[in-house]
Amino acid sequence: MTTVIRNGHLCDPSQQLDGIGWLHLHDAVIAGAGLGEPPAGLPADDIIDASGLLVTPGFIDLHVHLREPGEESKETIETGCQAAVRGGFTSVVAMPNTVPPIDHAAVVKFINLEAQHVNLAHVFPVGCISRGRAGSEMADIGELVAAGCVAISDDGAPVMDSGLMRRAMEYARMFTIRVIEHCEDLQLNNAGVMNEGFYSTKLGLRGIPTAAEDVMIARDIILAEYTGGALHVAHVSTAAGVRMIRDAKARGVNVTCEVTPHHLTLTDAAVCDYDTNFKMNPPLRSETDRQALVAALADGTIDAIATDHAPHSTTSKDVEFDQAANGVIGMETALPVVFTQLVREGHVPLARMVAALTNGPARVLGKPSKGTLAPGADADITIWDASTPYTIDAATFRSKSRNTPFHGWPVFGRVERTIVAGQTKFLR
């Protein structure tokens, strides 16, 4: 099967492609790409006219909770992948806090088989650092990697034991994978439910200080530097955090990081109505922190935009704020929210946003065939409309859950077609 995509605006920072051009797909591989008109006589079983649309590498989400196995009432691999392709994501990285957790090969194999059966987005499982995510005994990392895990993490829980984190980094280095860390010092988090500051005091809610995140980022950078391991800081949310990561990168430490759309666009002021759709961990921070995150995305300190897609049922969210579950869904809103609030407003260049959704996360994963339109790369493509306004409506989501802070937002940036391995998996 050969496909030609023509007349679209190619935007691929990995290839410095930026202009009207064409793509030639042969089965699951990109056979050619260029600006201008496609070569005469280029074979094609199908021609896609992308006039007026952007054509980018398929988006990659480094941080997704698919909830299966164990919490299928919130999300399944199938509904999560449906949400992914609707949001333009051709690859998703599945976090290990399932029930049971991804701490042995059988769970990895189940996820891989189910993802193959669903046949929508690529699903890359992450294995646990510790058995049961309990933070006391290291999981069988070699077994997890052999089964198909692309990284290790106890996401949703930090690794409080510094010795265990050191050993995890050393083992991960042997298998050339990253340690993805939820950076939070539980002895400093104050059992909080929102950011510690003016608004937590005003609302009478227990606050989580930024120091709880910053202390763990500092520790993990030190351990990465000492061991030579590869560290990935999940959902960074503080100004001090990105400053430390920027400084560590300048020293040559193998550290990468991601930021969520909600931390880029919202602050703790949004909690004033006690709406639990604004409750997550790490919490929404101050405007100073938000601006620092935007600047770090713009200057390349932040490698990836990741959604931390965390589906929850209404019974988990429609309760008192301090009793509600942490987390929001994000795969179907990431592109429009970031594009509208940051790119259209001139805070982040379009190419930087696209890089943080494509070749940035591909580099973090060590997947050079993804996140690029280069000939020979995987034919994962996102085609989207940057000019037509619309309103985010949670009722239309493919996800099983509706816990979004962005319902009703007027936005630009709507996915029109998502191609995975050369096949259209979503078409508006």
Protein backbone atom coordinates (compact mmCIF):
# COMPACT_ATOMS: atom_id res chain seq x y z
CA MET A 1 0.00 0.00 0.00
CA THR A 2 1.47 3.35 -1.06
CA THR A 3 0.06 6.71 -0.03
CA VAL A 4 0.95 10.24 -1.06
CA ILE A 5 0.09 13.15 1.22
CA ARG A 6 0.29 16.40 -0.68
CA ASN A 7 -0.35 20.14 -0.33
CA GLY A 8 0.00 20.08 3.47
CA HIS A 9 2.27 22.30 5.55
CA LEU A 10 5.05 19.95 6.66
CA CYS A 11 6.45 20.81 10.07
CA ASP A 12 9.20 18.48 11.24
CA PRO A 13 11.88 20.06 13.44
CA SER A 14 14.02 16.90 13.24
CA GLN A 15 14.44 17.50 9.48
CA GLN A 16 14.12 21.30 9.46
CA LEU A 17 11.10 20.84 7.22
CA ASP A 18 8.77 23.83 7.32
CA GLY A 19 6.62 24.54 4.30
CA ILE A 20 4.10 23.17 1.83
CA GLY A 21 5.21 19.76 0.66
CA TRP A 22 4.55 16.06 0.24
CA LEU A 23 5.04 12.69 1.93
CA HIS A 24 5.25 9.29 0.30
CA LEU A 25 4.32 6.32 2.50
CA HIS A 26 5.04 2.73 1.53
CA ASP A 27 3.29 0.30 3.84
CA ALA A 28 4.43 1.22 7.38
CA VAL A 29 7.47 3.29 6.36
CA ILE A 30 8.03 6.82 5.08
CA ALA A 31 9.51 6.37 1.62
CA GLY A 32 10.11 10.04 0.84
CA ALA A 33 9.36 13.62 1.86
CA GLY A 34 10.03 17.07 0.51
CA LEU A 35 8.82 20.60 -0.04
CA GLY A 36 6.94 21.65 -3.16
CA GLU A 37 5.14 19.27 -5.50
CA PRO A 38 5.75 15.50 -5.34
CA PRO A 39 7.91 14.04 -8.13
CA ALA A 40 6.04 13.21 -11.30
CA GLY A 41 4.97 9.61 -11.58
CA LEU A 42 5.23 8.88 -7.86
CA PRO A 43 3.23 5.65 -7.35
CA ALA A 44 0.20 5.95 -5.07
CA ASP A 45 -2.69 3.69 -4.19
CA ASP A 46 -4.18 6.58 -2.22
CA ILE A 47 -3.74 10.35 -2.36
CA ILE A 48 -4.51 12.50 0.69
CA ASP A 49 -4.99 16.21 0.02
CA ALA A 50 -3.85 18.05 3.15
CA SER A 51 -4.46 21.57 1.80
CA GLY A 52 -4.73 24.11 4.61
CA LEU A 53 -3.54 21.58 7.22
CA LEU A 54 -0.32 20.92 9.11
CA VAL A 55 1.40 17.58 8.59
CA THR A 56 3.71 16.56 11.43
CA PRO A 57 5.29 13.40 12.75
CA GLY A 58 2.90 11.44 14.92
CA PHE A 59 2.73 12.74 18.47
CA ILE A 60 4.29 10.68 21.27
CA ASP A 61 2.91 10.83 24.83
CA LEU A 62 5.51 9.79 27.38
CA HIS A 63 3.09 9.63 30.31
CA VAL A 64 -0.26 7.86 30.08
CA HIS A 65 -2.31 5.85 32.57
CA LEU A 66 -4.34 3.30 30.62
CA ARG A 67 -5.71 1.74 33.86
CA GLU A 68 -5.83 -1.76 32.40
CA PRO A 69 -5.42 -4.23 34.00
CA GLY A 70 -7.44 -3.61 37.13
CA GLU A 71 -9.35 -0.36 36.75
CA GLU A 72 -11.21 -0.85 33.51
CA SER A 73 -14.15 1.24 34.77
CA LYS A 74 -11.90 4.31 34.36
CA GLU A 75 -10.14 3.43 31.10
CA THR A 76 -9.06 0.46 29.01
CA ILE A 77 -6.24 0.00 26.57
CA GLU A 78 -8.82 0.24 23.79
CA THR A 79 -10.54 3.44 24.97
CA GLY A 80 -7.20 4.98 25.91
CA CYS A 81 -5.83 4.29 22.45
CA GLN A 82 -9.01 5.68 20.89
CA ALA A 83 -8.45 8.88 22.87
CA ALA A 84 -4.81 8.87 21.80
CA VAL A 85 -5.41 8.74 18.06
CA ARG A 86 -8.22 11.29 18.32
CA GLY A 87 -5.71 13.60 19.98
CA GLY A 88 -3.05 12.94 17.34
CA PHE A 89 -0.92 10.60 19.46
CA THR A 90 0.44 7.65 17.50
CA SER A 91 2.51 6.30 20.42
CA VAL A 92 1.78 6.26 24.14
CA VAL A 93 3.94 5.20 27.08
CA ALA A 94 1.90 3.27 29.65
CA MET A 95 2.75 3.89 33.29
CA PRO A 96 3.03 0.89 35.65
CA ASN A 97 0.56 1.78 38.43
CA THR A 98 -2.03 -0.70 37.21
CA VAL A 99 -3.67 -3.40 39.35
CA PRO A 100 -1.57 -5.53 39.50
CA PRO A 101 1.34 -3.21 38.75
CA ILE A 102 3.71 -3.82 35.86
CA ASP A 103 6.34 -5.49 38.02
CA HIS A 104 6.61 -8.84 36.24
CA ALA A 105 6.71 -10.07 32.68
CA ALA A 106 3.19 -11.50 32.60
CA VAL A 107 1.61 -8.07 32.95
CA VAL A 108 3.87 -6.65 30.23
CA LYS A 109 2.89 -9.46 27.88
CA PHE A 110 -0.80 -8.89 28.59
CA ILE A 111 -0.53 -5.18 27.76
CA ASN A 112 1.42 -5.88 24.58
CA LEU A 113 -1.07 -8.49 23.39
CA GLU A 114 -4.06 -6.28 24.16
CA ALA A 115 -2.47 -3.32 22.37
CA GLN A 116 -1.83 -5.50 19.33
CA HIS A 117 -5.45 -6.66 19.41
CA VAL A 118 -6.75 -3.08 19.68
CA ASN A 119 -4.42 -2.06 16.81
CA LEU A 120 -4.68 1.71 17.19
CA ALA A 121 -1.72 3.54 18.74
CA HIS A 122 1.63 2.00 19.58
CA VAL A 123 1.75 1.20 23.32
CA PHE A 124 5.09 1.09 25.14
CA PRO A 125 4.86 -0.30 28.69
CA VAL A 126 6.97 1.01 31.56
CA GLY A 127 7.99 -1.46 34.25
CA CYS A 128 8.15 -0.84 37.97
CA ILE A 129 11.35 0.14 39.73
CA SER A 130 10.30 -1.75 42.86
CA ARG A 131 8.13 -4.79 43.45
CA GLY A 132 4.54 -3.70 43.92
CA ARG A 133 5.73 -0.09 43.66
CA ALA A 134 6.36 -0.42 47.41
CA GLY A 135 9.77 1.21 47.25
CA SER A 136 11.61 -1.47 49.21
CA GLU A 137 12.79 -4.25 46.87
CA MET A 138 13.93 -3.74 43.30
CA ALA A 139 11.87 -5.38 40.58
CA ASP A 140 13.41 -7.82 38.09
CA ILE A 141 14.44 -5.13 35.64
CA GLY A 142 16.09 -7.47 33.16
CA GLU A 143 12.95 -9.59 32.95
CA LEU A 144 10.80 -6.50 32.40
CA VAL A 145 13.06 -5.19 29.63
CA ALA A 146 13.13 -8.60 27.96
CA ALA A 147 9.32 -8.62 28.00
CA GLY A 148 9.18 -5.23 26.26
CA CYS A 149 9.41 -2.44 28.85
CA VAL A 150 11.03 0.75 27.54
CA ALA A 151 11.78 2.34 30.93
CA ILE A 152 11.25 1.82 34.65
CA SER A 153 9.27 3.94 37.10
CA ASP A 154 7.19 3.75 40.26
CA ASP A 155 5.09 6.60 38.87
CA GLY A 156 2.39 7.79 41.21
CA ALA A 157 4.86 7.18 44.01
CA PRO A 158 8.41 8.45 44.48
CA VAL A 159 11.33 6.18 45.32
CA MET A 160 12.11 7.48 48.79
CA ASP A 161 15.00 5.06 49.39
CA SER A 162 18.08 6.73 47.88
CA GLY A 163 20.01 3.46 47.89
CA LEU A 164 17.29 1.76 45.89
CA MET A 165 17.23 4.65 43.42
CA ARG A 166 20.99 4.43 43.00
CA ARG A 167 20.80 0.70 42.25
CA ALA A 168 17.88 1.23 39.87
CA MET A 169 19.90 3.77 37.90
CA GLU A 170 22.86 1.42 37.75
CA TYR A 171 20.73 -1.48 36.52
CA ALA A 172 18.84 0.71 34.04
CA ARG A 173 22.16 1.86 32.62
CA MET A 174 23.05 -1.78 31.89
CA PHE A 175 19.90 -2.08 29.76
CA THR A 176 20.19 1.43 28.23
CA ILE A 177 16.77 2.52 29.50
CA ARG A 178 15.70 5.54 31.50
CA VAL A 179 14.50 5.78 35.06
CA ILE A 180 11.33 7.88 35.07
CA GLU A 181 10.90 9.46 38.48
CA HIS A 182 7.88 11.00 40.16
CA CYS A 183 9.87 13.55 42.15
CA GLU A 184 8.22 14.12 45.51
CA ASP A 185 9.61 13.96 49.03
CA LEU A 186 6.77 12.44 51.05
CA GLN A 187 8.29 13.81 54.25
CA LEU A 188 7.88 17.32 52.87
CA ASN A 189 4.58 17.06 50.99
CA ASN A 190 2.61 17.91 54.14
CA ALA A 191 -0.19 15.48 53.12
CA GLY A 192 -1.24 18.39 50.92
CA VAL A 193 -3.90 18.61 48.25
CA MET A 194 -2.78 21.72 46.36
CA ASN A 195 0.20 24.04 46.01
CA GLU A 196 1.34 25.65 49.24
CA GLY A 197 0.99 29.39 48.96
CA PHE A 198 -1.48 32.27 49.01
CA TYR A 199 -4.39 30.28 47.59
CA SER A 200 -3.99 27.27 49.86
CA THR A 201 -4.11 29.64 52.82
CA LYS A 202 -7.12 31.48 51.40
CA LEU A 203 -9.02 28.27 50.69
CA GLY A 204 -8.10 26.52 53.92
CA LEU A 205 -6.56 23.55 52.10
CA ARG A 206 -3.36 21.81 53.10
CA GLY A 207 -0.55 22.84 50.77
CA ILE A 208 2.28 20.93 49.08
CA PRO A 209 5.46 23.06 49.04
CA THR A 210 7.52 23.27 45.88
CA ALA A 211 10.45 22.10 48.01
CA ALA A 212 8.92 18.61 48.12
CA GLU A 213 9.52 18.31 44.38
CA ASP A 214 12.75 20.27 44.24
CA VAL A 215 14.55 18.22 46.90
CA MET A 216 13.88 14.99 44.99
CA ILE A 217 14.89 16.46 41.64
CA ALA A 218 18.17 17.55 43.23
CA ARG A 219 18.76 14.10 44.75
CA ASP A 220 18.02 12.27 41.53
CA ILE A 221 20.24 14.55 39.45
CA ILE A 222 23.08 13.88 41.90
CA LEU A 223 22.50 10.12 41.61
CA ALA A 224 22.31 10.28 37.82
CA GLU A 225 25.55 12.23 37.72
CA TYR A 226 27.22 9.79 40.12
CA THR A 227 26.05 6.58 38.43
CA GLY A 228 26.03 7.74 34.83
CA GLY A 229 22.42 6.58 34.67
CA ALA A 230 19.70 8.11 32.52
CA LEU A 231 17.09 10.06 34.50
CA HIS A 232 13.78 11.35 33.21
CA VAL A 233 11.91 13.75 35.48
CA ALA A 234 8.17 13.28 35.08
CA HIS A 235 5.73 16.20 35.12
CA VAL A 236 8.17 18.88 36.31
CA SER A 237 6.18 21.75 37.80
CA THR A 238 8.51 24.19 39.58
CA ALA A 239 10.81 27.03 38.60
CA ALA A 240 13.62 25.62 40.74
CA GLY A 241 13.14 22.21 39.17
CA VAL A 242 13.68 23.38 35.61
CA ARG A 243 16.59 25.54 36.72
CA MET A 244 18.33 22.49 38.24
CA ILE A 245 17.61 20.40 35.15
CA ARG A 246 18.97 23.14 32.87
CA ASP A 247 22.15 23.38 34.94
CA ALA A 248 22.56 19.59 35.02
CA LYS A 249 22.22 19.33 31.25
CA ALA A 250 24.89 22.00 30.84
CA ARG A 251 27.22 19.81 32.95
CA GLY A 252 26.52 16.81 30.74
CA VAL A 253 24.27 14.88 33.12
CA ASN A 254 22.01 12.43 31.27
CA VAL A 255 18.73 13.97 32.43
CA THR A 256 15.56 14.71 30.49
CA CYS A 257 12.18 15.99 31.57
CA GLU A 258 8.57 16.49 30.55
CA VAL A 259 5.86 19.04 31.31
CA THR A 260 2.09 18.71 31.17
CA PRO A 261 -0.32 20.99 29.30
CA HIS A 262 -2.10 21.80 32.56
CA HIS A 263 1.07 22.96 34.30
CA LEU A 264 1.91 25.10 31.26
CA THR A 265 -1.47 26.84 31.16
CA LEU A 266 -3.04 26.80 34.64
CA THR A 267 -2.08 27.97 38.13
CA ASP A 268 -3.23 27.30 41.68
CA ALA A 269 -5.66 30.20 41.32
CA ALA A 270 -7.85 27.79 39.32
CA VAL A 271 -8.61 25.86 42.51
CA CYS A 272 -10.63 28.75 43.97
CA ASP A 273 -13.97 27.09 43.07
CA TYR A 274 -12.89 23.81 44.69
CA ASP A 275 -13.40 22.08 41.33
CA THR A 276 -11.72 18.68 41.67
CA ASN A 277 -10.91 18.64 37.95
CA PHE A 278 -8.11 21.00 38.94
CA LYS A 279 -6.67 18.58 41.49
CA MET A 280 -3.56 16.68 40.45
CA ASN A 281 -0.13 15.69 41.73
CA PRO A 282 2.11 17.57 41.35
CA PRO A 283 -0.41 20.33 41.97
CA LEU A 284 -0.96 23.41 39.87
CA ARG A 285 1.72 25.84 40.94
CA SER A 286 2.13 29.63 41.04
CA GLU A 287 2.22 31.96 38.07
CA THR A 288 5.98 32.34 38.60
CA ASP A 289 6.41 28.59 38.24
CA ARG A 290 4.14 28.46 35.19
CA GLN A 291 6.12 31.17 33.43
CA ALA A 292 9.37 29.34 34.20
CA LEU A 293 7.94 26.17 32.64
CA VAL A 294 6.91 28.03 29.49
CA ALA A 295 10.38 29.58 29.20
CA ALA A 296 12.01 26.17 29.70
CA LEU A 297 9.83 24.67 26.97
CA ALA A 298 10.71 27.53 24.63
CA ASP A 299 14.47 27.28 25.22
CA GLY A 300 14.59 23.49 24.90
CA THR A 301 15.33 22.64 28.54
CA ILE A 302 12.08 20.67 28.62
CA ASP A 303 12.30 17.73 26.23
CA ALA A 304 8.66 16.70 25.95
CA ILE A 305 5.06 17.68 26.48
CA ALA A 306 3.38 14.71 28.16
CA THR A 307 -0.22 14.60 29.29
CA ASP A 308 -0.07 12.49 32.47
CA HIS A 309 -3.46 11.26 31.19
CA ALA A 310 -5.11 10.05 34.41
CA PRO A 311 -8.71 8.90 33.94
CA HIS A 312 -11.01 8.83 36.97
CA SER A 313 -14.64 7.94 37.44
CA THR A 314 -17.12 10.51 38.72
CA THR A 315 -17.26 8.70 42.05
CA SER A 316 -13.55 9.46 42.48
CA LYS A 317 -13.92 13.14 41.59
CA ASP A 318 -17.41 14.21 42.71
CA VAL A 319 -16.40 14.42 46.37
CA GLU A 320 -14.84 16.98 48.72
CA PHE A 321 -11.67 18.47 47.28
CA ASP A 322 -9.33 16.96 49.84
CA GLN A 323 -10.88 13.52 49.33
CA ALA A 324 -10.86 13.55 45.52
CA ALA A 325 -8.45 11.51 43.42
CA ASN A 326 -5.50 13.27 41.82
CA GLY A 327 -5.29 13.56 38.05
CA VAL A 328 -6.86 14.79 34.83
CA ILE A 329 -7.20 13.34 31.34
CA GLY A 330 -5.30 15.04 28.57
CA MET A 331 -4.66 13.23 25.30
CA GLU A 332 -7.65 14.76 23.51
CA THR A 333 -6.90 18.30 24.71
CA ALA A 334 -3.09 18.55 24.70
CA LEU A 335 -2.67 19.89 21.17
CA PRO A 336 -5.42 22.52 21.22
CA VAL A 337 -4.61 23.77 24.71
CA VAL A 338 -0.87 24.18 24.15
CA PHE A 339 -1.22 25.46 20.59
CA THR A 340 -3.89 28.02 21.51
CA GLN A 341 -2.47 29.26 24.79
CA LEU A 342 1.24 29.22 24.01
CA VAL A 343 1.92 29.10 20.26
CA ARG A 344 -0.84 31.41 19.04
CA GLU A 345 -0.07 33.83 21.88
CA GLY A 346 3.58 33.96 20.81
CA HIS A 347 5.13 32.39 23.93
CA VAL A 348 6.47 29.23 22.26
CA PRO A 349 7.39 28.80 18.57
CA LEU A 350 5.35 26.26 16.62
CA ALA A 351 8.47 24.22 15.86
CA ARG A 352 9.31 23.93 19.56
CA MET A 353 5.81 22.69 20.38
CA VAL A 354 5.97 20.13 17.57
CA ALA A 355 9.45 19.02 18.66
CA ALA A 356 8.22 18.51 22.23
CA LEU A 357 5.42 16.28 20.93
CA THR A 358 7.52 14.32 18.42
CA ASN A 359 11.31 14.00 18.18
CA GLY A 360 11.83 15.19 21.77
CA PRO A 361 9.97 12.27 23.35
CA ALA A 362 11.37 9.92 20.69
CA ARG A 363 14.89 10.79 21.88
CA VAL A 364 13.88 10.21 25.49
CA LEU A 365 12.63 6.74 24.56
CA GLY A 366 15.58 5.97 22.33
CA LYS A 367 13.28 5.40 19.34
CA PRO A 368 15.01 7.13 16.37
CA SER A 369 12.46 5.76 13.88
CA LYS A 370 9.69 7.74 15.53
CA GLY A 371 9.01 11.46 15.85
CA THR A 372 10.37 12.27 12.41
CA LEU A 373 9.33 12.45 8.75
CA ALA A 374 12.73 11.24 7.56
CA PRO A 375 12.73 8.60 4.82
CA GLY A 376 12.94 5.17 6.41
CA ALA A 377 11.15 6.28 9.58
CA ASP A 378 7.92 4.75 10.79
CA ALA A 379 4.88 6.06 8.93
CA ASP A 380 3.26 7.65 11.99
CA ILE A 381 1.69 10.96 10.92
CA THR A 382 -0.59 13.57 12.50
CA ILE A 383 -2.54 15.90 10.21
CA TRP A 384 -4.21 18.81 11.96
CA ASP A 385 -6.04 22.08 11.44
CA ALA A 386 -4.45 25.14 13.04
CA SER A 387 -6.93 27.75 11.83
CA THR A 388 -10.50 26.64 12.60
CA PRO A 389 -11.84 27.61 16.04
CA TYR A 390 -13.88 25.19 18.11
CA THR A 391 -14.83 24.51 21.71
CA ILE A 392 -13.57 21.60 23.80
CA ASP A 393 -16.51 19.40 24.70
CA ALA A 394 -15.83 16.58 27.15
CA ALA A 395 -19.01 14.81 26.03
CA THR A 396 -17.32 14.00 22.71
CA PHE A 397 -14.22 12.38 24.22
CA ARG A 398 -13.23 8.84 23.30
CA SER A 399 -11.79 8.34 26.77
CA LYS A 400 -14.05 6.57 29.26
CA SER A 401 -13.54 9.40 31.73
CA ARG A 402 -14.43 13.09 31.66
CA ASN A 403 -12.17 14.60 34.34
CA THR A 404 -10.77 17.51 32.35
CA PRO A 405 -10.12 21.10 33.46
CA PHE A 406 -10.49 22.29 29.86
CA HIS A 407 -14.16 21.60 29.10
CA GLY A 408 -15.71 24.62 27.39
CA TRP A 409 -12.43 26.24 26.39
CA PRO A 410 -12.43 27.97 22.97
CA VAL A 411 -9.40 26.67 21.08
CA PHE A 412 -7.61 26.14 17.79
CA GLY A 413 -5.72 23.03 16.75
CA ARG A 414 -7.95 20.11 15.82
CA VAL A 415 -6.68 16.75 14.64
CA GLU A 416 -8.17 15.75 11.29
CA ARG A 417 -6.36 12.47 10.62
CA THR A 418 -4.00 10.21 12.55
CA ILE A 419 -1.95 7.66 10.64
CA VAL A 420 -0.23 4.82 12.52
CA ALA A 421 2.15 2.50 10.70
CA GLY A 422 0.81 3.78 7.38
CA GLN A 423 -2.86 3.17 8.21
CA THR A 424 -5.45 5.80 9.09
CA LYS A 425 -6.61 5.14 12.66
CA PHE A 426 -8.60 8.34 13.14
CA LEU A 427 -10.40 10.45 10.58
CA ARG A 428 -12.64 13.31 11.55
